[in-house]
Amino acid sequence: MPNRKPKTRIQDFGIEQMSSDKILSMKKMMMELLPARNIGAILKKHYFICVSYLNDVIIDPSDFEKDYEKLWSHIVNDRVVNVDLSFLGLLLMVFTLALRCAPRELMLSNEALLRQWWSAETLEQTCLTWFRASRQILAFKKTPEITRVQIFVLQATYCYLVDDLETLEEILPQAVYDAKKIRLDDPAVNDTELYRCVWWSLCSLDTMRALESHKTPLIMSCYSRVELPEKSSYWRNRAQMCKTLNTIFTHDFYSTGKAAKIQKIIDIDKELVSFVHGFPAQTGKLSRFQRTALYTELCIHRYRLYEAFLQDDIPIASSICTHIVLSMFEMYKTIKQYYIVSQDPLYITLSPILVRAAILSSVFLVRFTRLSVADIDSIRKDILCLQNDLGAMECFSPLGVVSFGVESMKYLEDFPLQHRRRSSDSLKMKLNSIMNMPEQLSIDKVPLSLVNESLKAVEELAERDATGDSQMDTDLGQDEIGERWGYIYEDYCAFIH
């Protein structure tokens, strides 16, 4: 089984607590880390064209451009005292994400870039240096402000890309603390589009972390009265999806009966599925990629919640999970018809989401053995296709999360068939390690899956609770099962096509 390789955590560096009289030295030290102006312009352009479409903490590139030109004006005229240290930290993270997601073609086609970063190792070291520098700026200038939270969110994004979840666990609490200090959670104060986008971007990162690690979220965003972003339907739907998923953590799934659990999950499921009607229209290239990201993430989150039912052999759960996995890459297949994987750098930014979906599909093949030959072949074909596409995306320095994902997929692909049919503790531990899930999965210990049960089915479960019958399996035929998840599948088909 692939293991996450031991590595130096990206926050392990010395941060000296400097007094205010050393601020000039601090600024000079950070400015020395900046690339040449022409190289910075290339990275900045690449960030806003190919990276920022899935990250909304800098909503107005024109304002950022003005601050960028002002910074260089101060540098050229040796007015170090006027340099905005916070903006410098934000700029370093923009450069970091742009360089880390740089396609091979961009690096090889520009002599200035290739001369500075002639290998993946030199590129990774520069990104690490810039990341650490931005962390050092935050440690030096501790006054809470919106720019600090923007930097924290970009740092958290970087941690996901390089697969450093340990550092992520330190960054998010700091970001949440600062966000609440400047009252981003207060609708009376959070009245600008920038503040709303930053707040909901942070909430989305926090909820995603909680769902994947089965930890309590730091922000109960389902209760937040802050308005959703209005910038575009993508940001708004992303925030709404986060808010709905966050409601999972408001319910006590330990002490309630199965009928009550499932009834609540039904409500959440229907709300999640309703999002497909509000997803951004495919009016251009970016909207197609944003739509693909939203759709794939929705499938991932719904599957993770359904998965708790699989080991309990519940037909309706396995049917819905099967259809989620079978349709997981439908939107991705659609954009591939318009844009060639090997020639479009937007795929690199999308790749971490696709990898998570592929790992989930691979684990499903191992865990659930009662699939038809046609379904198995279809899922395997999707996984193999994505593996080939990841190689064609040609990031100059492969992203850590992608490298780990490819290793995991290959491991699961090579897993002997006879082992797949055994539900051994060893297998469960290995799969849980890959998926970042707790070792024990019990429907009484984790949020239950989003099952589209009818009122009759809920009443049946209530009767079983009353009689002490804990067996949740049913004798439902495929037609009745189809009726129960039918509204979900029909909506997905309408959305995809």
Protein backbone atom coordinates (compact mmCIF):
# COMPACT_ATOMS: atom_id res chain seq x y z
CA MET A 1 0.00 0.00 0.00
CA PRO A 2 1.35 3.46 -0.83
CA ASN A 3 2.25 5.45 2.25
CA ARG A 4 2.63 9.17 2.51
CA LYS A 5 6.35 9.68 2.41
CA PRO A 6 8.01 11.18 5.50
CA LYS A 7 8.86 14.76 4.82
CA THR A 8 9.84 17.92 6.56
CA ARG A 9 6.68 19.74 7.45
CA ILE A 10 6.48 22.95 5.52
CA GLN A 11 5.95 25.07 8.61
CA ASP A 12 9.06 23.83 10.43
CA PHE A 13 11.29 26.85 10.23
CA GLY A 14 12.60 29.40 12.69
CA ILE A 15 10.43 32.46 13.15
CA GLU A 16 12.09 35.09 15.26
CA GLN A 17 9.66 37.42 16.97
CA MET A 18 10.97 40.76 15.79
CA SER A 19 10.30 44.15 17.31
CA SER A 20 8.82 46.99 15.28
CA ASP A 21 12.21 48.67 14.80
CA LYS A 22 13.25 45.75 12.56
CA ILE A 23 10.39 46.10 10.14
CA LEU A 24 12.60 47.63 7.44
CA SER A 25 14.98 44.69 7.65
CA MET A 26 12.01 42.36 7.40
CA LYS A 27 10.72 44.10 4.28
CA LYS A 28 14.14 44.06 2.62
CA MET A 29 14.59 40.37 3.41
CA MET A 30 11.23 39.51 1.84
CA MET A 31 11.76 41.70 -1.22
CA GLU A 32 15.00 39.87 -1.92
CA LEU A 33 12.97 36.69 -2.37
CA LEU A 34 10.87 38.17 -5.17
CA PRO A 35 11.62 36.99 -8.70
CA ALA A 36 12.61 39.45 -11.40
CA ARG A 37 9.80 41.74 -12.46
CA ASN A 38 9.31 40.10 -15.86
CA ILE A 39 9.13 36.65 -14.26
CA GLY A 40 6.71 37.92 -11.63
CA ALA A 41 4.46 39.25 -14.38
CA ILE A 42 4.37 35.80 -16.03
CA LEU A 43 3.51 34.05 -12.77
CA LYS A 44 0.86 36.61 -11.86
CA LYS A 45 -0.80 36.25 -15.24
CA HIS A 46 -0.72 32.45 -14.99
CA TYR A 47 -2.34 32.58 -11.54
CA PHE A 48 -5.32 34.68 -12.62
CA ILE A 49 -5.86 32.78 -15.87
CA CYS A 50 -5.31 29.18 -14.79
CA VAL A 51 -5.34 28.91 -10.98
CA SER A 52 -7.70 31.45 -9.43
CA TYR A 53 -10.86 30.19 -11.16
CA LEU A 54 -11.37 27.74 -8.27
CA ASN A 55 -10.19 30.14 -5.55
CA ASP A 56 -12.07 33.36 -4.82
CA VAL A 57 -10.01 35.20 -2.19
CA ILE A 58 -8.79 37.78 -4.73
CA ILE A 59 -11.97 38.80 -6.51
CA ASP A 60 -10.69 41.86 -8.40
CA PRO A 61 -7.48 41.30 -10.39
CA SER A 62 -7.43 44.99 -11.36
CA ASP A 63 -7.09 46.07 -7.71
CA PHE A 64 -4.38 43.47 -7.21
CA GLU A 65 -2.60 44.79 -10.31
CA LYS A 66 -2.65 48.35 -8.92
CA ASP A 67 -1.12 47.18 -5.64
CA TYR A 68 1.44 45.15 -7.58
CA GLU A 69 2.54 48.16 -9.64
CA LYS A 70 2.65 50.29 -6.50
CA LEU A 71 4.91 47.72 -4.84
CA TRP A 72 7.36 47.76 -7.75
CA SER A 73 7.30 51.54 -7.80
CA HIS A 74 8.42 51.57 -4.17
CA ILE A 75 11.09 48.95 -4.89
CA VAL A 76 12.49 50.75 -7.95
CA ASN A 77 12.59 54.09 -6.15
CA ASP A 78 14.02 52.54 -2.98
CA ARG A 79 11.03 53.54 -0.86
CA VAL A 80 11.13 50.43 1.29
CA VAL A 81 9.35 52.16 4.14
CA ASN A 82 6.20 52.43 1.98
CA VAL A 83 6.09 48.75 1.04
CA ASP A 84 2.96 46.99 2.31
CA LEU A 85 4.26 43.91 4.11
CA SER A 86 0.86 42.21 4.10
CA PHE A 87 0.51 42.58 0.35
CA LEU A 88 4.02 41.22 -0.02
CA GLY A 89 2.92 38.08 1.83
CA LEU A 90 -0.14 37.76 -0.40
CA LEU A 91 1.97 38.20 -3.52
CA LEU A 92 4.38 35.48 -2.41
CA MET A 93 1.49 33.03 -2.09
CA VAL A 94 0.14 34.00 -5.52
CA PHE A 95 3.58 33.30 -6.96
CA THR A 96 3.80 30.05 -5.00
CA LEU A 97 0.52 28.64 -6.32
CA ALA A 98 1.21 29.83 -9.86
CA LEU A 99 4.67 28.26 -9.94
CA ARG A 100 3.54 25.03 -8.25
CA CYS A 101 0.82 24.59 -10.88
CA ALA A 102 3.03 25.66 -13.78
CA PRO A 103 2.68 23.37 -16.82
CA ARG A 104 5.78 21.93 -18.42
CA GLU A 105 5.13 23.80 -21.66
CA LEU A 106 5.12 27.18 -19.88
CA MET A 107 8.46 26.47 -18.23
CA LEU A 108 10.18 25.06 -21.30
CA SER A 109 8.94 27.77 -23.64
CA ASN A 110 10.28 30.65 -21.56
CA GLU A 111 14.04 30.96 -21.31
CA ALA A 112 13.90 33.22 -18.23
CA LEU A 113 11.75 30.72 -16.32
CA LEU A 114 13.82 27.73 -17.35
CA ARG A 115 17.05 29.48 -16.43
CA GLN A 116 15.77 30.10 -12.91
CA TRP A 117 14.02 26.75 -12.41
CA TRP A 118 15.81 24.14 -14.50
CA SER A 119 14.44 21.16 -12.56
CA ALA A 120 11.43 20.10 -10.54
CA GLU A 121 13.59 20.13 -7.40
CA THR A 122 14.60 23.78 -7.82
CA LEU A 123 10.99 24.74 -8.46
CA GLU A 124 9.75 22.91 -5.37
CA GLN A 125 12.45 24.51 -3.21
CA THR A 126 11.49 27.99 -4.39
CA CYS A 127 7.81 27.33 -3.66
CA LEU A 128 8.74 26.09 -0.20
CA THR A 129 10.86 29.18 0.43
CA TRP A 130 8.09 31.54 -0.64
CA PHE A 131 5.54 29.64 1.45
CA ARG A 132 7.76 29.85 4.51
CA ALA A 133 8.37 33.55 3.90
CA SER A 134 4.63 34.24 3.81
CA ARG A 135 4.28 32.32 7.08
CA GLN A 136 7.05 34.41 8.56
CA ILE A 137 5.30 37.62 7.54
CA LEU A 138 2.13 36.48 9.31
CA ALA A 139 4.12 35.62 12.42
CA PHE A 140 5.74 39.06 12.38
CA LYS A 141 2.68 41.17 11.58
CA LYS A 142 0.00 39.69 13.80
CA THR A 143 -2.68 42.37 13.58
CA PRO A 144 -5.84 40.69 12.21
CA GLU A 145 -6.90 42.04 8.82
CA ILE A 146 -8.55 40.78 5.67
CA THR A 147 -5.22 40.31 3.87
CA ARG A 148 -4.02 37.93 6.59
CA VAL A 149 -7.08 35.74 6.11
CA GLN A 150 -6.57 35.80 2.33
CA ILE A 151 -2.99 34.62 2.85
CA PHE A 152 -4.12 31.87 5.23
CA VAL A 153 -6.65 30.57 2.68
CA LEU A 154 -4.03 30.48 -0.08
CA GLN A 155 -1.61 28.72 2.28
CA ALA A 156 -4.28 26.11 3.06
CA THR A 157 -4.80 25.61 -0.67
CA TYR A 158 -1.07 25.05 -1.11
CA CYS A 159 -1.07 22.47 1.70
CA TYR A 160 -3.74 20.50 -0.16
CA LEU A 161 -1.70 20.61 -3.36
CA VAL A 162 1.51 19.32 -1.75
CA ASP A 163 -0.37 16.86 0.48
CA ASP A 164 0.78 18.36 3.80
CA LEU A 165 -2.32 17.81 5.92
CA GLU A 166 -0.41 18.27 9.17
CA THR A 167 0.44 21.88 8.39
CA LEU A 168 -3.11 22.43 7.17
CA GLU A 169 -4.34 21.48 10.64
CA GLU A 170 -2.32 24.38 12.05
CA ILE A 171 -3.23 26.94 9.42
CA LEU A 172 -7.02 26.63 9.54
CA PRO A 173 -7.43 27.43 13.27
CA GLN A 174 -5.24 30.50 12.81
CA ALA A 175 -7.31 31.60 9.83
CA VAL A 176 -10.59 31.10 11.67
CA TYR A 177 -9.30 33.06 14.68
CA ASP A 178 -8.32 36.03 12.51
CA ALA A 179 -11.56 35.88 10.52
CA LYS A 180 -13.63 36.12 13.68
CA LYS A 181 -11.39 38.83 15.10
CA ILE A 182 -12.23 41.10 12.17
CA ARG A 183 -15.85 39.89 12.40
CA LEU A 184 -16.12 38.24 9.03
CA ASP A 185 -18.77 36.06 10.66
CA ASP A 186 -20.91 39.12 11.48
CA PRO A 187 -23.37 39.97 8.67
CA ALA A 188 -23.53 43.56 9.94
CA VAL A 189 -19.81 43.95 9.26
CA ASN A 190 -19.31 41.53 6.38
CA ASP A 191 -21.07 43.64 3.79
CA THR A 192 -18.65 43.59 0.86
CA GLU A 193 -18.22 40.99 -1.86
CA LEU A 194 -14.55 40.49 -1.01
CA TYR A 195 -15.28 39.81 2.66
CA ARG A 196 -18.12 37.43 1.80
CA CYS A 197 -16.01 35.50 -0.69
CA VAL A 198 -13.11 35.17 1.76
CA TRP A 199 -15.44 34.06 4.56
CA TRP A 200 -17.19 31.38 2.53
CA SER A 201 -13.95 30.20 0.97
CA LEU A 202 -12.61 29.63 4.48
CA CYS A 203 -15.85 27.88 5.49
CA SER A 204 -15.60 25.58 2.48
CA LEU A 205 -12.02 24.59 3.31
CA ASP A 206 -13.00 23.93 6.93
CA THR A 207 -16.07 21.84 6.08
CA MET A 208 -14.16 19.81 3.48
CA ARG A 209 -11.43 19.11 6.05
CA ALA A 210 -14.04 18.03 8.62
CA LEU A 211 -15.85 15.70 6.22
CA GLU A 212 -12.66 14.03 5.02
CA SER A 213 -11.07 13.63 8.45
CA HIS A 214 -14.29 13.03 10.44
CA LYS A 215 -13.38 15.89 12.77
CA THR A 216 -15.62 18.61 14.13
CA PRO A 217 -15.53 21.72 11.91
CA LEU A 218 -14.08 24.89 13.38
CA ILE A 219 -16.92 26.92 11.89
CA MET A 220 -20.56 25.87 12.10
CA SER A 221 -21.20 27.61 8.81
CA CYS A 222 -24.71 26.18 8.52
CA TYR A 223 -25.72 28.76 11.13
CA SER A 224 -23.89 31.63 9.45
CA ARG A 225 -26.07 34.60 8.54
CA VAL A 226 -23.43 36.11 6.27
CA GLU A 227 -24.80 36.56 2.77
CA LEU A 228 -23.60 34.17 0.12
CA PRO A 229 -21.27 35.55 -2.57
CA GLU A 230 -22.87 37.24 -5.54
CA LYS A 231 -19.82 37.30 -7.78
CA SER A 232 -21.06 34.40 -9.88
CA SER A 233 -23.28 31.38 -9.51
CA TYR A 234 -20.17 29.22 -9.09
CA TRP A 235 -19.04 30.88 -5.87
CA ARG A 236 -22.59 31.07 -4.59
CA ASN A 237 -23.33 27.40 -5.22
CA ARG A 238 -19.99 26.37 -3.74
CA ALA A 239 -20.80 28.29 -0.56
CA GLN A 240 -24.33 26.89 -0.43
CA MET A 241 -23.05 23.34 -0.84
CA CYS A 242 -20.65 23.92 2.04
CA LYS A 243 -23.42 25.35 4.21
CA THR A 244 -25.71 22.40 3.55
CA LEU A 245 -23.03 19.76 4.14
CA ASN A 246 -22.09 21.51 7.38
CA THR A 247 -25.54 20.71 8.82
CA ILE A 248 -24.39 17.10 9.15
CA PHE A 249 -22.41 18.15 12.23
CA THR A 250 -25.41 19.66 14.02
CA HIS A 251 -27.12 16.34 14.67
CA ASP A 252 -26.48 13.69 17.26
CA PHE A 253 -26.15 10.51 15.22
CA TYR A 254 -25.11 8.49 18.27
CA SER A 255 -28.35 8.46 20.23
CA THR A 256 -31.16 8.85 17.68
CA GLY A 257 -32.98 5.96 16.05
CA LYS A 258 -32.29 4.85 12.51
CA ALA A 259 -35.55 6.28 11.18
CA ALA A 260 -34.79 9.73 12.59
CA LYS A 261 -31.25 9.58 11.26
CA ILE A 262 -32.31 8.68 7.76
CA GLN A 263 -35.15 11.21 7.70
CA LYS A 264 -32.69 14.02 8.41
CA ILE A 265 -30.27 12.69 5.83
CA ILE A 266 -33.07 12.60 3.26
CA ASP A 267 -33.65 16.33 3.73
CA ILE A 268 -29.96 17.11 3.29
CA ASP A 269 -29.73 14.87 0.25
CA LYS A 270 -32.61 16.56 -1.52
CA GLU A 271 -31.11 19.97 -0.88
CA LEU A 272 -27.74 18.85 -2.25
CA VAL A 273 -29.30 17.41 -5.37
CA SER A 274 -31.25 20.62 -5.94
CA PHE A 275 -27.93 22.40 -6.50
CA VAL A 276 -27.58 20.92 -9.96
CA HIS A 277 -30.28 23.28 -11.21
CA GLY A 278 -28.39 26.31 -9.97
CA PHE A 279 -24.94 25.40 -11.22
CA PRO A 280 -23.35 27.98 -13.52
CA ALA A 281 -24.35 27.82 -17.16
CA GLN A 282 -21.71 26.66 -19.61
CA THR A 283 -21.22 30.07 -21.19
CA GLY A 284 -17.47 29.88 -21.59
CA LYS A 285 -14.33 27.95 -20.88
CA LEU A 286 -13.97 28.89 -17.20
CA SER A 287 -17.62 28.15 -16.47
CA ARG A 288 -17.23 24.66 -17.95
CA PHE A 289 -14.29 23.91 -15.67
CA GLN A 290 -16.05 25.43 -12.65
CA ARG A 291 -19.14 23.36 -13.41
CA THR A 292 -17.01 20.23 -13.59
CA ALA A 293 -15.36 21.01 -10.25
CA LEU A 294 -18.73 21.58 -8.54
CA TYR A 295 -20.31 18.46 -9.98
CA THR A 296 -17.36 16.22 -9.10
CA GLU A 297 -17.08 17.58 -5.56
CA LEU A 298 -20.79 17.08 -5.03
CA CYS A 299 -20.45 13.43 -6.09
CA ILE A 300 -17.47 12.97 -3.78
CA HIS A 301 -19.22 14.39 -0.73
CA ARG A 302 -22.45 12.49 -1.32
CA TYR A 303 -20.59 9.23 -1.82
CA ARG A 304 -18.60 9.69 1.40
CA LEU A 305 -21.84 9.97 3.32
CA TYR A 306 -23.46 7.02 1.54
CA GLU A 307 -20.39 4.87 2.08
CA ALA A 308 -21.23 4.27 5.73
CA PHE A 309 -24.09 2.03 4.57
CA LEU A 310 -22.07 -0.19 2.24
CA GLN A 311 -20.64 -2.55 4.84
CA ASP A 312 -24.13 -3.05 6.28
CA ASP A 313 -25.31 -4.51 2.98
CA ILE A 314 -28.23 -2.15 2.37
CA PRO A 315 -29.44 -2.50 -1.24
CA ILE A 316 -30.58 1.08 -1.73
CA ALA A 317 -27.26 2.45 -0.48
CA SER A 318 -25.23 0.23 -2.78
CA SER A 319 -27.45 1.15 -5.73
CA ILE A 320 -27.06 4.88 -5.18
CA CYS A 321 -23.32 4.58 -4.57
CA THR A 322 -22.98 2.60 -7.76
CA HIS A 323 -24.72 5.24 -9.82
CA ILE A 324 -22.71 8.04 -8.20
CA VAL A 325 -19.45 6.29 -9.08
CA LEU A 326 -20.61 5.44 -12.60
CA SER A 327 -21.47 9.09 -13.28
CA MET A 328 -18.54 10.58 -11.34
CA PHE A 329 -16.58 11.71 -14.40
CA GLU A 330 -19.42 12.61 -16.75
CA MET A 331 -18.78 16.35 -16.58
CA TYR A 332 -15.05 15.78 -16.94
CA LYS A 333 -15.65 13.72 -20.07
CA THR A 334 -17.75 16.57 -21.44
CA ILE A 335 -15.07 19.25 -21.13
CA LYS A 336 -12.52 16.86 -22.66
CA GLN A 337 -14.57 17.07 -25.84
CA TYR A 338 -13.82 20.78 -26.00
CA TYR A 339 -10.34 21.13 -24.51
CA ILE A 340 -7.35 18.82 -24.99
CA VAL A 341 -5.93 17.61 -21.68
CA SER A 342 -2.29 17.83 -22.74
CA GLN A 343 -2.68 21.40 -24.01
CA ASP A 344 -4.78 23.17 -21.38
CA PRO A 345 -3.23 24.17 -18.00
CA LEU A 346 -6.66 24.58 -16.37
CA TYR A 347 -6.71 20.80 -15.96
CA ILE A 348 -3.75 21.00 -13.56
CA THR A 349 -5.74 23.09 -11.07
CA LEU A 350 -8.65 20.68 -11.43
CA SER A 351 -6.51 17.56 -11.00
CA PRO A 352 -6.62 17.29 -7.15
CA ILE A 353 -10.43 17.03 -7.28
CA LEU A 354 -10.27 14.45 -10.08
CA VAL A 355 -7.70 12.40 -8.17
CA ARG A 356 -9.89 12.30 -5.06
CA ALA A 357 -12.79 11.10 -7.20
CA ALA A 358 -10.65 8.41 -8.83
CA ILE A 359 -9.35 7.11 -5.49
CA LEU A 360 -12.90 6.94 -4.22
CA SER A 361 -13.95 4.97 -7.31
CA SER A 362 -11.00 2.59 -6.87
CA VAL A 363 -11.86 1.98 -3.23
CA PHE A 364 -15.48 1.33 -4.19
CA LEU A 365 -14.36 -1.42 -6.59
CA VAL A 366 -12.44 -3.10 -3.77
CA ARG A 367 -15.06 -2.70 -1.07
CA PHE A 368 -18.18 -3.50 -3.05
CA THR A 369 -17.94 -6.79 -4.92
CA ARG A 370 -21.52 -7.29 -6.15
CA LEU A 371 -21.20 -5.21 -9.29
CA SER A 372 -22.14 -6.32 -12.76
CA VAL A 373 -19.32 -7.00 -15.20
CA ALA A 374 -20.45 -4.02 -17.26
CA ASP A 375 -20.33 -1.67 -14.25
CA ILE A 376 -16.90 -2.94 -13.21
CA ASP A 377 -15.55 -2.43 -16.72
CA SER A 378 -17.05 1.05 -16.93
CA ILE A 379 -15.56 2.19 -13.61
CA ARG A 380 -12.16 0.67 -14.40
CA LYS A 381 -12.19 2.38 -17.79
CA ASP A 382 -12.83 5.76 -16.14
CA ILE A 383 -10.02 5.25 -13.63
CA LEU A 384 -7.54 4.12 -16.29
CA CYS A 385 -8.51 7.03 -18.52
CA LEU A 386 -7.87 9.51 -15.71
CA GLN A 387 -4.51 7.91 -14.92
CA ASN A 388 -3.46 8.42 -18.52
CA ASP A 389 -4.78 11.98 -18.50
CA LEU A 390 -2.81 12.85 -15.36
CA GLY A 391 0.36 11.93 -17.19
CA ALA A 392 -0.68 14.07 -20.14
CA MET A 393 -1.35 17.12 -17.96
CA GLU A 394 2.41 17.48 -17.54
CA CYS A 395 2.80 19.70 -14.54
CA PHE A 396 6.49 20.72 -14.47
CA SER A 397 6.71 19.43 -10.90
CA PRO A 398 4.01 16.83 -10.13
CA LEU A 399 1.68 17.90 -7.32
CA GLY A 400 2.08 15.88 -4.13
CA VAL A 401 -1.61 15.06 -3.86
CA VAL A 402 -1.62 13.81 -7.46
CA SER A 403 1.48 11.66 -7.00
CA PHE A 404 0.02 10.03 -3.91
CA GLY A 405 -3.29 9.54 -5.69
CA VAL A 406 -1.69 7.80 -8.66
CA GLU A 407 0.24 5.46 -6.34
CA SER A 408 -2.98 4.65 -4.48
CA MET A 409 -4.88 3.91 -7.67
CA LYS A 410 -2.14 1.60 -8.92
CA TYR A 411 -2.06 -0.21 -5.59
CA LEU A 412 -5.82 -0.74 -5.61
CA GLU A 413 -5.76 -1.80 -9.26
CA ASP A 414 -3.19 -4.51 -8.50
CA PHE A 415 -5.05 -5.73 -5.43
CA PRO A 416 -5.76 -9.45 -5.99
CA LEU A 417 -9.39 -10.25 -6.73
CA GLN A 418 -9.55 -12.89 -4.02
CA HIS A 419 -8.54 -10.30 -1.45
CA ARG A 420 -11.24 -7.96 -2.69
CA ARG A 421 -13.84 -10.52 -1.75
CA ARG A 422 -12.60 -10.78 1.82
CA SER A 423 -13.62 -8.12 4.30
CA SER A 424 -10.50 -8.53 6.40
CA ASP A 425 -9.38 -6.08 9.08
CA SER A 426 -6.11 -5.69 7.21
CA LEU A 427 -7.88 -4.61 4.03
CA LYS A 428 -10.11 -2.18 5.89
CA MET A 429 -7.14 -0.57 7.60
CA LYS A 430 -5.31 -0.14 4.29
CA LEU A 431 -8.33 1.36 2.55
CA ASN A 432 -9.03 3.68 5.46
CA SER A 433 -5.43 4.86 5.36
CA ILE A 434 -5.78 5.75 1.70
CA MET A 435 -9.07 7.55 2.20
CA ASN A 436 -8.08 9.31 5.47
CA MET A 437 -10.97 7.61 7.22
CA PRO A 438 -11.25 6.16 10.74
CA GLU A 439 -10.49 2.47 11.07
CA GLN A 440 -13.98 1.54 12.25
CA LEU A 441 -16.95 2.37 10.06
CA SER A 442 -20.28 1.80 11.74
CA ILE A 443 -23.61 3.32 10.84
CA ASP A 444 -24.07 4.09 14.52
CA LYS A 445 -20.77 5.98 14.77
CA VAL A 446 -20.58 8.13 11.65
CA PRO A 447 -23.00 10.44 9.80
CA LEU A 448 -25.29 8.18 7.81
CA SER A 449 -25.49 8.26 4.07
CA LEU A 450 -27.81 10.43 2.09
CA VAL A 451 -30.47 7.92 1.19
CA ASN A 452 -33.54 8.97 -0.73
CA GLU A 453 -36.00 7.04 1.42
CA SER A 454 -39.72 7.46 1.04
CA LEU A 455 -41.93 8.12 4.06
CA LYS A 456 -43.03 4.49 3.96
CA ALA A 457 -39.45 3.29 4.25
CA VAL A 458 -38.86 5.59 7.22
CA GLU A 459 -41.94 4.20 8.94
CA GLU A 460 -40.66 0.68 8.32
CA LEU A 461 -37.38 1.53 10.00
CA ALA A 462 -39.21 3.09 12.93
CA GLU A 463 -41.12 -0.16 13.37
CA ARG A 464 -37.86 -2.12 13.32
CA ASP A 465 -36.42 0.18 15.98
CA ALA A 466 -39.46 -0.47 18.13
CA THR A 467 -39.13 -4.24 17.78
CA GLY A 468 -35.37 -4.15 18.34
CA ASP A 469 -34.61 -5.43 14.87
CA SER A 470 -31.34 -3.80 13.87
CA GLN A 471 -31.10 -5.52 10.51
CA MET A 472 -31.56 -2.77 7.93
CA ASP A 473 -31.43 -4.95 4.85
CA THR A 474 -34.61 -5.17 2.81
CA ASP A 475 -36.07 -7.39 0.14
CA LEU A 476 -36.64 -4.51 -2.23
CA GLY A 477 -36.42 -5.33 -5.89
CA GLN A 478 -34.37 -3.31 -8.34
CA ASP A 479 -37.48 -1.53 -9.67
CA GLU A 480 -38.45 -0.21 -6.26
CA ILE A 481 -34.87 0.76 -5.53
CA GLY A 482 -34.81 2.59 -8.84
CA GLU A 483 -37.90 4.57 -7.87
CA ARG A 484 -36.28 5.68 -4.64
CA TRP A 485 -33.13 7.12 -6.16
CA GLY A 486 -34.77 7.93 -9.46
CA TYR A 487 -35.28 11.63 -8.86
CA ILE A 488 -31.57 11.96 -8.10
CA TYR A 489 -30.42 10.15 -11.20
CA GLU A 490 -32.88 11.97 -13.48
CA ASP A 491 -31.68 15.34 -12.22
CA TYR A 492 -28.07 14.33 -12.77
CA CYS A 493 -28.78 13.16 -16.31
CA ALA A 494 -30.57 16.40 -17.13
CA PHE A 495 -27.69 18.37 -15.65
CA ILE A 496 -25.00 16.45 -17.49
CA HIS A 497 -26.66 16.62 -20.89
